């Protein structure tokens, strides 16, 4: 399961670096991690694994994805997130007189 989530994180991240504009890579990565955290929570609720403190569980993965997604969102600028949610061709001027 850890390998599956690693591939689901790495492949879109590499594609985003090559296909998206540099300004919106960080917000897109943040959204990707939040979506993966949601999938990990759903999988953890459906698959009841052993309650051992020695192993990494799906709940641990969901928490890690959420933590890294929050860090990516905090490090990104609000304008970058707005660019992700709006059309990229309609950019605002850098400064107003």
C-alpha atoms as a PDB file:
ATOM      1  CA  UNK A   1       0.000   0.000   0.000  1.00  0.00           C
ATOM      2  CA  UNK A   2       2.899   2.330   0.749  1.00  0.00           C
ATOM      3  CA  UNK A   3       4.349   1.659  -2.708  1.00  0.00           C
ATOM      4  CA  UNK A   4       1.001   2.406  -4.345  1.00  0.00           C
ATOM      5  CA  UNK A   5       0.636   5.749  -2.590  1.00  0.00           C
ATOM      6  CA  UNK A   6       4.271   6.597  -3.336  1.00  0.00           C
ATOM      7  CA  UNK A   7       3.695   6.032  -7.038  1.00  0.00           C
ATOM      8  CA  UNK A   8       0.448   7.991  -6.915  1.00  0.00           C
ATOM      9  CA  UNK A   9       2.370  10.914  -5.438  1.00  0.00           C
ATOM     10  CA  UNK A  10       5.556  10.788  -7.484  1.00  0.00           C
ATOM     11  CA  UNK A  11       4.116  10.333 -10.966  1.00  0.00           C
ATOM     12  CA  UNK A  12       1.697  13.298 -10.901  1.00  0.00           C
ATOM     13  CA  UNK A  13       4.329  15.464  -9.207  1.00  0.00           C
ATOM     14  CA  UNK A  14       6.846  14.781 -11.978  1.00  0.00           C
ATOM     15  CA  UNK A  15       4.203  15.404 -14.631  1.00  0.00           C
ATOM     16  CA  UNK A  16       3.176  18.647 -12.926  1.00  0.00           C
ATOM     17  CA  UNK A  17       6.760  19.901 -12.976  1.00  0.00           C
ATOM     18  CA  UNK A  18       6.922  19.416 -16.726  1.00  0.00           C
ATOM     19  CA  UNK A  19       3.381  20.371 -17.764  1.00  0.00           C
ATOM     20  CA  UNK A  20       2.330  23.201 -15.446  1.00  0.00           C
ATOM     21  CA  UNK A  21       3.652  26.696 -15.083  1.00  0.00           C
ATOM     22  CA  UNK A  22       6.164  27.007 -12.229  1.00  0.00           C
ATOM     23  CA  UNK A  23       3.876  29.340 -10.271  1.00  0.00           C
ATOM     24  CA  UNK A  24       1.106  26.780  -9.868  1.00  0.00           C
ATOM     25  CA  UNK A  25       3.106  23.606  -9.219  1.00  0.00           C
ATOM     26  CA  UNK A  26       3.087  24.035  -5.424  1.00  0.00           C
ATOM     27  CA  UNK A  27      -0.691  24.616  -5.093  1.00  0.00           C
ATOM     28  CA  UNK A  28      -1.358  21.709  -7.472  1.00  0.00           C
ATOM     29  CA  UNK A  29       0.899  19.452  -5.390  1.00  0.00           C
ATOM     30  CA  UNK A  30      -0.944  20.552  -2.248  1.00  0.00           C
ATOM     31  CA  UNK A  31      -4.313  19.647  -3.781  1.00  0.00           C
ATOM     32  CA  UNK A  32      -2.916  16.300  -4.930  1.00  0.00           C
ATOM     33  CA  UNK A  33      -1.755  15.465  -1.408  1.00  0.00           C
ATOM     34  CA  UNK A  34      -5.116  16.403   0.125  1.00  0.00           C
ATOM     35  CA  UNK A  35      -6.885  14.134  -2.372  1.00  0.00           C
ATOM     36  CA  UNK A  36      -4.491  11.288  -1.568  1.00  0.00           C
ATOM     37  CA  UNK A  37      -5.082  11.844   2.148  1.00  0.00           C
ATOM     38  CA  UNK A  38      -8.812  11.507   1.540  1.00  0.00           C
ATOM     39  CA  UNK A  39      -8.275   8.257  -0.384  1.00  0.00           C
ATOM     40  CA  UNK A  40      -6.062   6.942   2.424  1.00  0.00           C
ATOM     41  CA  UNK A  41      -8.769   7.737   4.993  1.00  0.00           C
ATOM     42  CA  UNK A  42     -11.407   5.952   2.923  1.00  0.00           C
ATOM     43  CA  UNK A  43      -9.097   2.952   2.499  1.00  0.00           C
ATOM     44  CA  UNK A  44      -8.316   2.940   6.227  1.00  0.00           C
ATOM     45  CA  UNK A  45     -12.012   2.939   7.079  1.00  0.00           C
ATOM     46  CA  UNK A  46     -12.768   0.099   4.649  1.00  0.00           C
ATOM     47  CA  UNK A  47      -9.712  -2.061   5.367  1.00  0.00           C
ATOM     48  CA  UNK A  48      -9.359  -2.843   9.027  1.00  0.00           C
ATOM     49  CA  UNK A  49      -5.705  -3.671   9.544  1.00  0.00           C
ATOM     50  CA  UNK A  50      -4.017  -4.900  12.698  1.00  0.00           C
ATOM     51  CA  UNK A  51      -3.740  -2.365  15.498  1.00  0.00           C
ATOM     52  CA  UNK A  52       0.001  -2.641  15.980  1.00  0.00           C
ATOM     53  CA  UNK A  53       2.115   0.341  16.943  1.00  0.00           C
ATOM     54  CA  UNK A  54       5.107  -1.159  15.117  1.00  0.00           C
ATOM     55  CA  UNK A  55       3.683  -0.913  11.594  1.00  0.00           C
ATOM     56  CA  UNK A  56       2.822   2.073   9.418  1.00  0.00           C
ATOM     57  CA  UNK A  57      -0.938   2.159   8.934  1.00  0.00           C
ATOM     58  CA  UNK A  58      -3.114   3.894   6.386  1.00  0.00           C
ATOM     59  CA  UNK A  59      -3.995   6.414   9.062  1.00  0.00           C
ATOM     60  CA  UNK A  60      -0.300   7.307   9.305  1.00  0.00           C
ATOM     61  CA  UNK A  61      -0.163   7.803   5.534  1.00  0.00           C
ATOM     62  CA  UNK A  62      -3.254  10.009   5.605  1.00  0.00           C
ATOM     63  CA  UNK A  63      -1.726  12.146   8.340  1.00  0.00           C
ATOM     64  CA  UNK A  64       1.563  12.439   6.469  1.00  0.00           C
ATOM     65  CA  UNK A  65      -0.163  13.436   3.232  1.00  0.00           C
ATOM     66  CA  UNK A  66      -2.213  16.037   5.099  1.00  0.00           C
ATOM     67  CA  UNK A  67       0.832  17.449   6.864  1.00  0.00           C
ATOM     68  CA  UNK A  68       2.867  17.752   3.677  1.00  0.00           C
ATOM     69  CA  UNK A  69      -0.148  19.161   1.808  1.00  0.00           C
ATOM     70  CA  UNK A  70      -0.567  21.845   4.478  1.00  0.00           C
ATOM     71  CA  UNK A  71       3.132  22.689   4.277  1.00  0.00           C
ATOM     72  CA  UNK A  72       2.918  23.023   0.492  1.00  0.00           C
ATOM     73  CA  UNK A  73      -0.145  25.253   0.840  1.00  0.00           C
ATOM     74  CA  UNK A  74       1.576  27.471   3.418  1.00  0.00           C
ATOM     75  CA  UNK A  75       4.732  27.814   1.331  1.00  0.00           C
ATOM     76  CA  UNK A  76       2.771  28.787  -1.763  1.00  0.00           C
ATOM     77  CA  UNK A  77       1.612  32.334  -2.394  1.00  0.00           C
ATOM     78  CA  UNK A  78      -2.131  33.134  -2.431  1.00  0.00           C
ATOM     79  CA  UNK A  79      -1.801  34.476  -5.972  1.00  0.00           C
ATOM     80  CA  UNK A  80      -0.415  31.110  -7.059  1.00  0.00           C
ATOM     81  CA  UNK A  81      -3.461  29.316  -5.677  1.00  0.00           C
ATOM     82  CA  UNK A  82      -5.712  31.820  -7.428  1.00  0.00           C
ATOM     83  CA  UNK A  83      -3.904  31.062 -10.691  1.00  0.00           C
ATOM     84  CA  UNK A  84      -4.605  27.366 -10.187  1.00  0.00           C
ATOM     85  CA  UNK A  85      -8.312  27.995  -9.713  1.00  0.00           C
ATOM     86  CA  UNK A  86      -8.783  30.546 -12.515  1.00  0.00           C
ATOM     87  CA  UNK A  87      -7.952  30.502 -16.169  1.00  0.00           C
ATOM     88  CA  UNK A  88      -4.233  30.756 -16.752  1.00  0.00           C
ATOM     89  CA  UNK A  89      -4.595  32.913 -19.853  1.00  0.00           C
ATOM     90  CA  UNK A  90      -6.302  35.712 -17.905  1.00  0.00           C
ATOM     91  CA  UNK A  91      -3.363  36.936 -15.822  1.00  0.00           C
ATOM     92  CA  UNK A  92      -3.526  40.168 -13.833  1.00  0.00           C
ATOM     93  CA  UNK A  93      -0.928  42.885 -14.275  1.00  0.00           C
ATOM     94  CA  UNK A  94       1.957  42.814 -11.795  1.00  0.00           C
ATOM     95  CA  UNK A  95       1.183  46.229 -10.283  1.00  0.00           C
ATOM     96  CA  UNK A  96      -1.477  48.903 -10.561  1.00  0.00           C
ATOM     97  CA  UNK A  97      -0.743  52.629 -10.691  1.00  0.00           C
END
